[in-house]
Amino acid sequence: MAAPGFTPTQLAARAAYLLRGNDLGTMTSAAPRLYPHMWSWDAAFVSVGLAPLSVERAVVELDTLLSAQWSNGMIPHIVFASGVDGYFPGPARWQVNELAAHAPVGVHTSGITQPPVHAIAVQRILDHARRRGRTTRQVAGEFLDRRWPDLVRWHRWLAHARDQNHTGRITLYHGWESGMDNSPRWDAAYAKVIPGAVPPYIREDTSIVTDSSQRPSNIEYDRYLWLLEEMKLARYDDLALNSAMSFAVEDVFVSAIFAVACDVLATIGEDHSRPHADVRDLRAWADRFRSGVVATTDARSGAARDRDVRSGEWIKTDTMAMFAPLLCGGLPRDTERALLRLFEGPRFCGHPDFKYAVPPSTSPISRDFRPREYWRGPVWPVVTWLFSWAFARRGWSERSAMLREEGLRQASDGSFAEYYEPFTGEPLGSMQQSWTAASVLDWLG
C-alpha cells in the first residue's frame, strides 16, 4: 500500500501532524508558506481529511468558510487569515469590501469562486458522525441545520448567476476559478486577454517555489491580474461580469462536479428531511448540468470539451477535463466504456513510463505537456482522490481501489507535495500541502 516509504500507520500519523501544524485555529492554511490562507475547495478537501480525526474540527472548517459566503450566495475562493501576509494578490488588491455590494462584512475575501466540492465534504462529515457517539452526531446535525440554507444558496447562485445562458454549464470569468490556473484548457481564451494598465505588483509565489519551470510565467500573471482589474471595474456584479469580462469559458469539469454535488446534497436533504422544494431544485440542477456536460462530448470517445463563450468555439484539449462525464455520469454505456479505456490507457494513467498509474493533469502525448509545470502535466493527488471517490460512488469499486492504492504509493514519501512529476515521482510545488494530507487520511481512514 504505502511501501516503499512510510507504512500506512506512519503515513497517517504524519498527515494528521501536518494538518495540526497548518491549523490556524478556525481555518487550515492550504500550505504554510505558498498558500497561508483558506482556499475554498482546499477547505472542503481538508474537511474530508479532518472528519476521521475530529468531526467537530471538520465542522469548524466548513463553518469558517461559510461564514465568509457572500450575500448573493457565492463562496469566495480565498478567505484571508487575519494578520497573515505573504500572499499576492491580497485583500488590498481585490478591494471587494469597497467595491462589491454582496461582499461579507468583517472578513476579507477574494472576488471569485472555485469548484463546488463542498457537498462531498458534508457527506463525509455525516458519514463519520454516524459512527461516533451521540454528542458528535448532534454536532453534525446542528451543523446541517445551521448551514443547509447556505449550501442551497451556494448551489442556487451557481445554477443562476453562472449559467445565465442556460447551457447547463458553469461559466468562469478567470482561470483561477477552475482551480486549474494555467491548464492548456485556457490558452486560447487567455490569448485574447489584452492587459491594460496593470498596477505594479511583486509576485510572492516565485520566492517560495524558485524553480520557474513549475510556475506560471510573468506574462500569464499580467493577464490574471488584468482580469482582476476588469472585475473591479464591474464592481463584481454578476450581471455586469457576464458582458464585461474578456475571459469567459464554460468549464465542463466544474460543471460535472456541480452536477455530482447537487445530487449528493439532494440525497443528504432527503435523508435529513430538508425542505422538499430544496431537494427538487437540487435534483433538477443535477439533471440540467449533467446534460450540459454530456452535450459537449465526442460521440465515439466520450471525451468532454470546454467552450469559449466569447468566441463560441469548443475547447478540445488532452487534459483531465476530458473525463468530466466519469464524475457525473450520463453517457451511453458503450461511450462511457470507451472513455474509461482512454482514462486507463497509455495516453493517461496507463502510460508505460509513469511511476504511478494515476491521472496526469495533461496527457503526456499532448504538445502542451510540461511534466513539471503546475496544471500542464504534473499529477495532483487531490484529483486522484476525487476520481477515486467518484468511481466508488458509481459502483466501480475495483477502479476506485486501484487509484487509491497508486495514490498512496505516490504519497508514501511523506512530503505531501502539491503535485508530482509523473515519470520520476518527484514532489513539486508547495510541500506540506493540506489537501494532499487530507486525501491520504481519507484513503487510510
Protein backbone atom coordinates (compact mmCIF):
# COMPACT_ATOMS: atom_id res chain seq x y z
CA MET A 1 0.00 0.00 0.00
CA ALA A 2 2.33 2.74 1.22
CA ALA A 3 5.62 0.91 0.51
CA PRO A 4 8.45 1.58 -0.09
CA GLY A 5 8.21 4.75 2.02
CA PHE A 6 6.35 5.16 5.28
CA THR A 7 3.99 2.47 6.49
CA PRO A 8 0.25 3.29 6.40
CA THR A 9 0.25 3.94 10.16
CA GLN A 10 3.27 6.22 9.90
CA LEU A 11 1.83 8.00 6.88
CA ALA A 12 -1.49 8.63 8.63
CA ALA A 13 0.32 9.98 11.69
CA ARG A 14 2.42 12.34 9.53
CA ALA A 15 -0.67 13.54 7.65
CA ALA A 16 -2.52 14.24 10.89
CA TYR A 17 0.52 16.04 12.27
CA LEU A 18 0.70 18.19 9.13
CA LEU A 19 -2.95 19.25 9.42
CA ARG A 20 -2.42 20.14 13.06
CA GLY A 21 0.63 22.18 12.10
CA ASN A 22 -1.29 24.05 9.39
CA ASP A 23 -4.23 24.73 11.73
CA LEU A 24 -4.69 28.47 12.32
CA GLY A 25 -7.44 27.99 14.90
CA THR A 26 -10.69 28.11 12.96
CA MET A 27 -9.20 27.58 9.50
CA THR A 28 -6.45 25.49 7.97
CA SER A 29 -3.91 27.16 5.71
CA ALA A 30 -3.75 25.45 2.33
CA ALA A 31 0.05 25.33 2.71
CA PRO A 32 2.08 27.20 5.33
CA ARG A 33 4.39 29.13 3.00
CA LEU A 34 2.92 29.36 -0.50
CA TYR A 35 -0.78 29.43 0.45
CA PRO A 36 -1.05 30.74 4.03
CA HIS A 37 -4.83 31.40 3.90
CA MET A 38 -8.01 29.37 3.39
CA TRP A 39 -8.91 28.32 -0.16
CA SER A 40 -12.48 27.24 -0.91
CA TRP A 41 -12.08 23.84 -2.50
CA ASP A 42 -8.98 23.15 -0.40
CA ALA A 43 -11.11 23.72 2.71
CA ALA A 44 -13.67 21.17 1.53
CA PHE A 45 -11.00 18.52 0.97
CA VAL A 46 -9.32 19.45 4.27
CA SER A 47 -12.67 18.81 5.99
CA VAL A 48 -12.77 15.38 4.35
CA GLY A 49 -9.39 14.61 5.93
CA LEU A 50 -10.27 16.13 9.28
CA ALA A 51 -13.52 14.18 9.63
CA PRO A 52 -11.91 10.83 10.59
CA LEU A 53 -9.76 12.67 13.14
CA SER A 54 -12.41 15.01 14.56
CA VAL A 55 -15.88 15.61 13.18
CA GLU A 56 -16.06 18.68 15.39
CA ARG A 57 -12.93 20.23 13.86
CA ALA A 58 -14.12 19.40 10.35
CA VAL A 59 -17.37 21.24 11.11
CA VAL A 60 -15.43 24.29 12.29
CA GLU A 61 -13.53 24.35 8.99
CA LEU A 62 -16.69 24.49 6.87
CA ASP A 63 -18.35 26.89 9.30
CA THR A 64 -15.44 29.31 8.84
CA LEU A 65 -15.68 29.07 5.07
CA LEU A 66 -19.46 29.51 5.00
CA SER A 67 -19.22 32.47 7.37
CA ALA A 68 -17.40 34.26 4.54
CA GLN A 69 -20.12 33.47 1.98
CA TRP A 70 -21.31 36.47 0.02
CA SER A 71 -24.91 37.62 0.41
CA ASN A 72 -25.64 36.62 -3.22
CA GLY A 73 -24.64 33.03 -2.36
CA MET A 74 -21.12 32.91 -3.77
CA ILE A 75 -18.45 31.14 -1.75
CA PRO A 76 -15.22 33.08 -2.46
CA HIS A 77 -12.11 31.24 -3.50
CA ILE A 78 -9.96 32.74 -0.72
CA VAL A 79 -10.79 33.67 2.86
CA PHE A 80 -7.85 35.67 4.16
CA ALA A 81 -6.50 34.89 7.61
CA SER A 82 -6.25 37.95 9.86
CA GLY A 83 -2.73 39.23 10.35
CA VAL A 84 -1.18 36.81 7.84
CA ASP A 85 0.86 38.22 4.96
CA GLY A 86 2.97 36.54 2.30
CA TYR A 87 0.43 36.03 -0.46
CA PHE A 88 -0.33 38.07 -3.57
CA PRO A 89 -2.89 39.22 -4.59
CA GLY A 90 -4.12 40.01 -1.11
CA PRO A 91 -7.21 41.88 0.14
CA ALA A 92 -5.84 45.30 -0.86
CA ARG A 93 -5.65 44.19 -4.48
CA TRP A 94 -9.12 42.61 -4.60
CA GLN A 95 -10.87 45.54 -2.83
CA VAL A 96 -14.10 43.58 -2.52
CA ASN A 97 -15.15 45.29 0.71
CA GLU A 98 -15.01 48.67 -1.05
CA LEU A 99 -16.47 47.63 -4.41
CA ALA A 100 -18.74 44.60 -4.10
CA ALA A 101 -22.28 45.07 -2.83
CA HIS A 102 -22.53 41.43 -1.75
CA ALA A 103 -19.16 41.04 -0.01
CA PRO A 104 -19.30 39.88 3.62
CA VAL A 105 -18.76 42.35 6.45
CA GLY A 106 -15.88 41.87 8.86
CA VAL A 107 -13.90 39.38 6.78
CA HIS A 108 -11.57 39.75 3.81
CA THR A 109 -12.09 37.55 0.76
CA SER A 110 -11.23 37.37 -2.90
CA GLY A 111 -13.84 38.23 -5.54
CA ILE A 112 -14.05 34.95 -7.47
CA THR A 113 -15.10 31.40 -6.69
CA GLN A 114 -13.81 27.80 -7.01
CA PRO A 115 -15.17 24.29 -7.80
CA PRO A 116 -18.23 23.34 -5.68
CA VAL A 117 -16.96 20.20 -3.95
CA HIS A 118 -18.36 21.17 -0.55
CA ALA A 119 -21.37 18.82 -0.53
CA ILE A 120 -18.89 15.93 -0.75
CA ALA A 121 -17.24 17.17 2.44
CA VAL A 122 -20.59 17.47 4.20
CA GLN A 123 -21.43 13.91 3.21
CA ARG A 124 -18.10 12.62 4.58
CA ILE A 125 -18.63 14.51 7.84
CA LEU A 126 -22.09 12.97 8.25
CA ASP A 127 -20.72 9.51 7.40
CA HIS A 128 -18.11 9.74 10.15
CA ALA A 129 -20.55 11.28 12.64
CA ARG A 130 -22.87 8.27 12.26
CA ARG A 131 -20.08 6.04 13.56
CA ARG A 132 -19.40 8.22 16.61
CA GLY A 133 -21.16 8.94 19.86
CA ARG A 134 -24.35 10.88 20.39
CA THR A 135 -22.57 14.18 21.10
CA THR A 136 -20.66 14.04 17.81
CA ARG A 137 -23.81 13.12 15.89
CA GLN A 138 -25.51 16.11 17.48
CA VAL A 139 -22.68 18.44 16.39
CA ALA A 140 -23.01 17.22 12.80
CA GLY A 141 -26.80 17.50 12.90
CA GLU A 142 -26.68 21.04 14.25
CA PHE A 143 -24.18 21.98 11.55
CA LEU A 144 -26.56 20.72 8.87
CA ASP A 145 -29.47 22.61 10.45
CA ARG A 146 -27.39 25.77 10.62
CA ARG A 147 -25.80 25.60 7.18
CA TRP A 148 -28.36 23.87 4.96
CA PRO A 149 -29.82 27.18 3.71
CA ASP A 150 -26.30 28.46 2.95
CA LEU A 151 -25.38 25.33 1.00
CA VAL A 152 -28.56 25.53 -1.08
CA ARG A 153 -28.00 29.24 -1.64
CA TRP A 154 -24.49 28.46 -2.90
CA HIS A 155 -25.85 25.93 -5.41
CA ARG A 156 -28.63 28.29 -6.46
CA TRP A 157 -26.12 31.05 -7.17
CA LEU A 158 -24.06 28.73 -9.37
CA ALA A 159 -27.13 27.50 -11.24
CA HIS A 160 -28.38 31.02 -11.98
CA ALA A 161 -25.52 33.56 -11.84
CA ARG A 162 -23.03 31.28 -13.59
CA ASP A 163 -25.37 29.78 -16.18
CA GLN A 164 -27.08 32.91 -17.43
CA ASN A 165 -27.25 31.43 -20.95
CA HIS A 166 -28.94 28.23 -19.69
CA THR A 167 -26.46 25.84 -21.30
CA GLY A 168 -26.20 23.57 -18.27
CA ARG A 169 -22.54 24.53 -17.86
CA ILE A 170 -20.82 26.80 -15.34
CA THR A 171 -19.25 29.94 -16.80
CA LEU A 172 -15.96 31.08 -15.30
CA TYR A 173 -14.51 34.57 -15.63
CA HIS A 174 -10.98 33.67 -14.52
CA GLY A 175 -8.90 30.52 -14.93
CA TRP A 176 -8.30 30.61 -11.18
CA GLU A 177 -11.99 29.78 -10.71
CA SER A 178 -11.39 26.38 -12.29
CA GLY A 179 -8.73 25.57 -9.69
CA MET A 180 -6.52 24.62 -12.67
CA ASP A 181 -4.94 28.03 -13.13
CA ASN A 182 -2.62 27.60 -16.12
CA SER A 183 -4.12 24.50 -17.73
CA PRO A 184 -3.80 24.31 -21.54
CA ARG A 185 -7.60 24.40 -21.47
CA TRP A 186 -7.42 28.18 -21.11
CA ASP A 187 -4.57 29.03 -23.51
CA ALA A 188 -6.75 30.23 -26.40
CA ALA A 189 -9.12 32.19 -24.14
CA TYR A 190 -6.21 33.82 -22.29
CA ALA A 191 -4.52 34.71 -25.58
CA LYS A 192 -7.47 37.02 -26.31
CA VAL A 193 -6.99 38.86 -22.99
CA ILE A 194 -5.04 42.04 -23.75
CA PRO A 195 -3.83 43.54 -20.46
CA GLY A 196 -4.31 47.24 -19.99
CA ALA A 197 -2.52 49.26 -17.33
CA VAL A 198 -1.93 46.61 -14.67
CA PRO A 199 -0.89 48.29 -11.40
CA PRO A 200 2.65 47.33 -10.32
CA TYR A 201 3.00 44.11 -8.38
CA ILE A 202 5.54 41.75 -6.85
CA ARG A 203 4.82 38.03 -7.07
CA GLU A 204 5.14 36.06 -3.84
CA ASP A 205 4.88 32.56 -5.34
CA THR A 206 8.23 32.63 -7.15
CA SER A 207 10.06 33.47 -3.94
CA ILE A 208 8.72 30.23 -2.42
CA VAL A 209 8.94 27.94 -5.46
CA THR A 210 12.12 29.24 -7.04
CA ASP A 211 12.17 26.84 -10.00
CA SER A 212 10.38 28.90 -12.67
CA SER A 213 9.55 25.77 -14.67
CA GLN A 214 6.99 24.85 -12.01
CA ARG A 215 5.03 28.13 -12.04
CA PRO A 216 3.03 30.29 -14.49
CA SER A 217 5.03 32.93 -16.38
CA ASN A 218 5.02 36.69 -15.75
CA ILE A 219 3.05 37.22 -18.97
CA GLU A 220 0.40 34.85 -17.66
CA TYR A 221 0.34 36.74 -14.37
CA ASP A 222 -0.24 40.03 -16.18
CA ARG A 223 -3.34 38.51 -17.75
CA TYR A 224 -4.51 37.06 -14.44
CA LEU A 225 -4.24 40.47 -12.79
CA TRP A 226 -5.81 42.34 -15.67
CA LEU A 227 -8.91 40.14 -15.34
CA LEU A 228 -9.00 41.14 -11.69
CA GLU A 229 -8.98 44.80 -12.75
CA GLU A 230 -11.89 44.11 -15.13
CA MET A 231 -13.84 42.58 -12.26
CA LYS A 232 -13.17 45.61 -10.10
CA LEU A 233 -14.43 47.92 -12.85
CA ALA A 234 -17.62 45.82 -12.93
CA ARG A 235 -17.77 46.02 -9.10
CA TYR A 236 -18.03 42.21 -9.01
CA ASP A 237 -21.65 42.41 -10.15
CA ASP A 238 -22.94 39.11 -11.57
CA LEU A 239 -24.86 40.64 -14.46
CA ALA A 240 -22.10 43.08 -15.35
CA LEU A 241 -19.42 40.38 -15.36
CA ASN A 242 -21.34 38.42 -17.98
CA SER A 243 -20.70 41.14 -20.53
CA ALA A 244 -17.65 42.96 -19.13
CA MET A 245 -15.10 40.16 -18.86
CA SER A 246 -12.71 39.47 -21.73
CA PHE A 247 -12.29 35.91 -20.40
CA ALA A 248 -15.45 33.79 -20.19
CA VAL A 249 -15.43 29.99 -20.55
CA GLU A 250 -17.88 27.20 -19.84
CA ASP A 251 -15.89 24.79 -17.67
CA VAL A 252 -17.04 21.22 -18.27
CA PHE A 253 -15.07 19.82 -15.30
CA VAL A 254 -16.53 22.27 -12.79
CA SER A 255 -19.96 21.64 -14.33
CA ALA A 256 -19.58 17.89 -13.76
CA ILE A 257 -18.52 18.49 -10.16
CA PHE A 258 -21.57 20.71 -9.72
CA ALA A 259 -23.90 18.05 -11.11
CA VAL A 260 -22.47 15.47 -8.68
CA ALA A 261 -22.57 17.93 -5.77
CA CYS A 262 -26.24 18.71 -6.42
CA ASP A 263 -27.09 15.01 -6.33
CA VAL A 264 -25.06 14.47 -3.16
CA LEU A 265 -26.68 17.44 -1.42
CA ALA A 266 -30.14 16.33 -2.56
CA THR A 267 -29.57 12.89 -1.04
CA ILE A 268 -28.44 14.49 2.21
CA GLY A 269 -31.62 16.58 2.10
CA GLU A 270 -33.79 13.52 1.63
CA ASP A 271 -32.04 11.60 4.40
CA HIS A 272 -32.34 14.52 6.83
CA SER A 273 -35.85 15.74 5.98
CA ARG A 274 -34.85 19.06 4.44
CA PRO A 275 -37.47 21.11 2.53
CA HIS A 276 -38.89 19.24 -0.45
CA ALA A 277 -38.55 22.33 -2.65
CA ASP A 278 -34.80 22.45 -1.99
CA VAL A 279 -34.34 18.78 -2.86
CA ARG A 280 -36.42 19.17 -6.00
CA ASP A 281 -34.31 22.12 -7.16
CA LEU A 282 -31.07 20.26 -6.45
CA ARG A 283 -32.18 17.22 -8.47
CA ALA A 284 -33.25 19.47 -11.34
CA TRP A 285 -29.88 21.26 -11.36
CA ALA A 286 -28.07 17.90 -11.26
CA ASP A 287 -30.01 16.73 -14.33
CA ARG A 288 -29.52 20.02 -16.17
CA PHE A 289 -25.77 20.21 -15.65
CA ARG A 290 -25.24 16.51 -16.30
CA SER A 291 -26.97 17.01 -19.64
CA GLY A 292 -24.85 20.11 -20.23
CA VAL A 293 -21.68 18.08 -19.71
CA VAL A 294 -22.81 15.23 -21.97
CA ALA A 295 -23.73 17.73 -24.70
CA THR A 296 -20.04 18.65 -25.02
CA THR A 297 -18.78 15.11 -25.59
CA ASP A 298 -17.42 13.31 -28.61
CA ALA A 299 -19.90 10.66 -29.73
CA ARG A 300 -17.23 7.98 -30.06
CA SER A 301 -14.71 8.57 -27.28
CA GLY A 302 -16.97 10.33 -24.76
CA ALA A 303 -14.28 12.98 -24.23
CA ALA A 304 -15.72 16.28 -22.97
CA ARG A 305 -14.85 19.81 -24.07
CA ASP A 306 -14.91 23.27 -22.57
CA ARG A 307 -16.36 26.19 -24.52
CA ASP A 308 -15.05 29.70 -25.07
CA VAL A 309 -18.11 31.91 -24.55
CA ARG A 310 -16.57 34.93 -26.24
CA SER A 311 -15.61 33.17 -29.50
CA GLY A 312 -18.29 30.49 -29.36
CA GLU A 313 -15.62 27.87 -30.08
CA TRP A 314 -15.26 24.49 -28.42
CA ILE A 315 -12.01 23.95 -26.50
CA LYS A 316 -10.68 20.46 -27.11
CA THR A 317 -7.61 19.56 -25.03
CA ASP A 318 -5.86 16.40 -23.88
CA THR A 319 -6.34 17.22 -20.21
CA MET A 320 -8.20 15.64 -17.33
CA ALA A 321 -11.23 17.79 -18.23
CA MET A 322 -11.92 15.20 -20.94
CA PHE A 323 -13.04 12.83 -18.21
CA ALA A 324 -15.68 15.08 -16.65
CA PRO A 325 -18.50 12.64 -17.60
CA LEU A 326 -16.86 9.93 -15.49
CA LEU A 327 -17.59 12.11 -12.44
CA CYS A 328 -21.23 12.87 -13.13
CA GLY A 329 -22.40 10.08 -15.46
CA GLY A 330 -24.92 10.42 -18.25
CA LEU A 331 -23.04 8.88 -21.17
CA PRO A 332 -24.36 5.85 -23.09
CA ARG A 333 -22.75 2.70 -21.71
CA ASP A 334 -20.55 1.92 -24.74
CA THR A 335 -19.31 5.51 -24.91
CA GLU A 336 -18.56 5.52 -21.20
CA ARG A 337 -16.53 2.33 -21.60
CA ALA A 338 -14.53 3.98 -24.37
CA LEU A 339 -13.82 6.96 -22.10
CA LEU A 340 -12.73 4.66 -19.28
CA ARG A 341 -10.34 2.88 -21.66
CA LEU A 342 -8.89 6.27 -22.57
CA PHE A 343 -8.53 7.20 -18.87
CA GLU A 344 -6.78 3.94 -18.00
CA GLY A 345 -4.78 3.67 -21.23
CA PRO A 346 -1.32 4.89 -22.31
CA ARG A 347 -2.46 8.46 -23.01
CA PHE A 348 -3.22 8.98 -19.33
CA CYS A 349 -2.97 6.76 -16.22
CA GLY A 350 -1.55 3.76 -18.07
CA HIS A 351 1.41 5.47 -19.72
CA PRO A 352 4.18 2.84 -19.56
CA ASP A 353 6.78 5.28 -18.26
CA PHE A 354 4.70 6.73 -15.43
CA LYS A 355 5.94 5.91 -11.95
CA TYR A 356 2.38 5.57 -10.65
CA ALA A 357 -0.84 4.78 -12.51
CA VAL A 358 -2.66 7.99 -11.63
CA PRO A 359 -4.13 10.72 -13.87
CA PRO A 360 -1.79 13.49 -15.05
CA SER A 361 -3.23 16.99 -15.39
CA THR A 362 -2.32 16.96 -19.11
CA SER A 363 -1.70 13.93 -21.32
CA PRO A 364 1.98 13.12 -21.95
CA ILE A 365 1.23 12.83 -25.68
CA SER A 366 -0.09 16.40 -25.84
CA ARG A 367 2.09 19.10 -27.37
CA ASP A 368 1.13 21.23 -24.33
CA PHE A 369 2.53 18.68 -21.86
CA ARG A 370 5.08 20.03 -19.36
CA PRO A 371 5.88 17.40 -16.71
CA ARG A 372 6.92 19.94 -14.03
CA GLU A 373 4.65 22.89 -14.72
CA TYR A 374 1.66 23.16 -12.41
CA TRP A 375 -1.51 22.07 -14.30
CA ARG A 376 0.26 21.34 -17.58
CA GLY A 377 1.41 17.80 -16.77
CA PRO A 378 2.08 17.01 -13.10
CA VAL A 379 -0.08 14.64 -11.09
CA TRP A 380 -2.22 16.18 -8.35
CA PRO A 381 -3.08 13.73 -5.52
CA VAL A 382 -6.30 15.55 -4.70
CA VAL A 383 -7.57 14.92 -8.25
CA THR A 384 -6.67 11.25 -7.93
CA TRP A 385 -8.73 11.27 -4.72
CA LEU A 386 -11.67 12.93 -6.49
CA PHE A 387 -11.76 10.32 -9.26
CA SER A 388 -11.34 7.50 -6.73
CA TRP A 389 -14.25 8.87 -4.70
CA ALA A 390 -16.43 9.33 -7.79
CA PHE A 391 -15.66 5.83 -9.07
CA ALA A 392 -16.61 4.31 -5.70
CA ARG A 393 -19.84 6.30 -5.74
CA ARG A 394 -20.64 4.99 -9.22
CA GLY A 395 -20.07 1.38 -8.15
CA TRP A 396 -16.68 0.92 -9.81
CA SER A 397 -15.04 -0.41 -6.66
CA GLU A 398 -12.01 -2.05 -8.33
CA ARG A 399 -11.15 1.07 -10.30
CA SER A 400 -11.57 3.19 -7.17
CA ALA A 401 -9.34 0.87 -5.15
CA MET A 402 -6.65 0.93 -7.85
CA LEU A 403 -6.48 4.74 -7.79
CA ARG A 404 -6.39 4.68 -4.01
CA GLU A 405 -3.53 2.17 -3.92
CA GLU A 406 -1.50 4.05 -6.52
CA GLY A 407 -2.23 7.39 -4.84
CA LEU A 408 -0.98 6.05 -1.52
CA ARG A 409 2.15 4.63 -3.11
CA GLN A 410 2.86 8.07 -4.56
CA ALA A 411 2.24 9.80 -1.22
CA SER A 412 4.31 7.31 0.77
CA ASP A 413 7.37 9.59 0.62
CA GLY A 414 5.63 11.70 3.26
CA SER A 415 6.29 15.05 1.56
CA PHE A 416 2.56 15.69 0.91
CA ALA A 417 3.51 17.76 -2.10
CA GLU A 418 1.12 19.95 -4.05
CA TYR A 419 1.82 17.93 -7.21
CA TYR A 420 4.29 15.33 -8.52
CA GLU A 421 6.35 14.77 -11.66
CA PRO A 422 4.58 11.86 -13.41
CA PHE A 423 7.65 9.97 -14.67
CA THR A 424 10.00 10.27 -11.69
CA GLY A 425 7.53 10.79 -8.87
CA GLU A 426 9.49 13.85 -7.70
CA PRO A 427 7.45 16.03 -5.31
CA LEU A 428 6.92 19.50 -6.78
CA GLY A 429 5.32 22.83 -5.95
CA SER A 430 4.47 23.53 -2.35
CA MET A 431 5.33 20.94 0.29
CA GLN A 432 3.14 20.24 3.33
CA GLN A 433 0.02 20.76 1.25
CA SER A 434 -3.06 20.35 3.46
CA TRP A 435 -5.35 18.79 0.87
CA THR A 436 -2.74 16.18 -0.07
CA ALA A 437 -2.52 15.14 3.58
CA ALA A 438 -6.32 15.17 3.79
CA SER A 439 -6.63 12.87 0.77
CA VAL A 440 -4.23 10.42 2.38
CA LEU A 441 -6.15 10.46 5.67
CA ASP A 442 -9.42 9.70 3.92
CA TRP A 443 -7.83 6.88 1.91
CA LEU A 444 -6.35 5.39 5.08
CA GLY A 445 -9.43 6.08 7.22
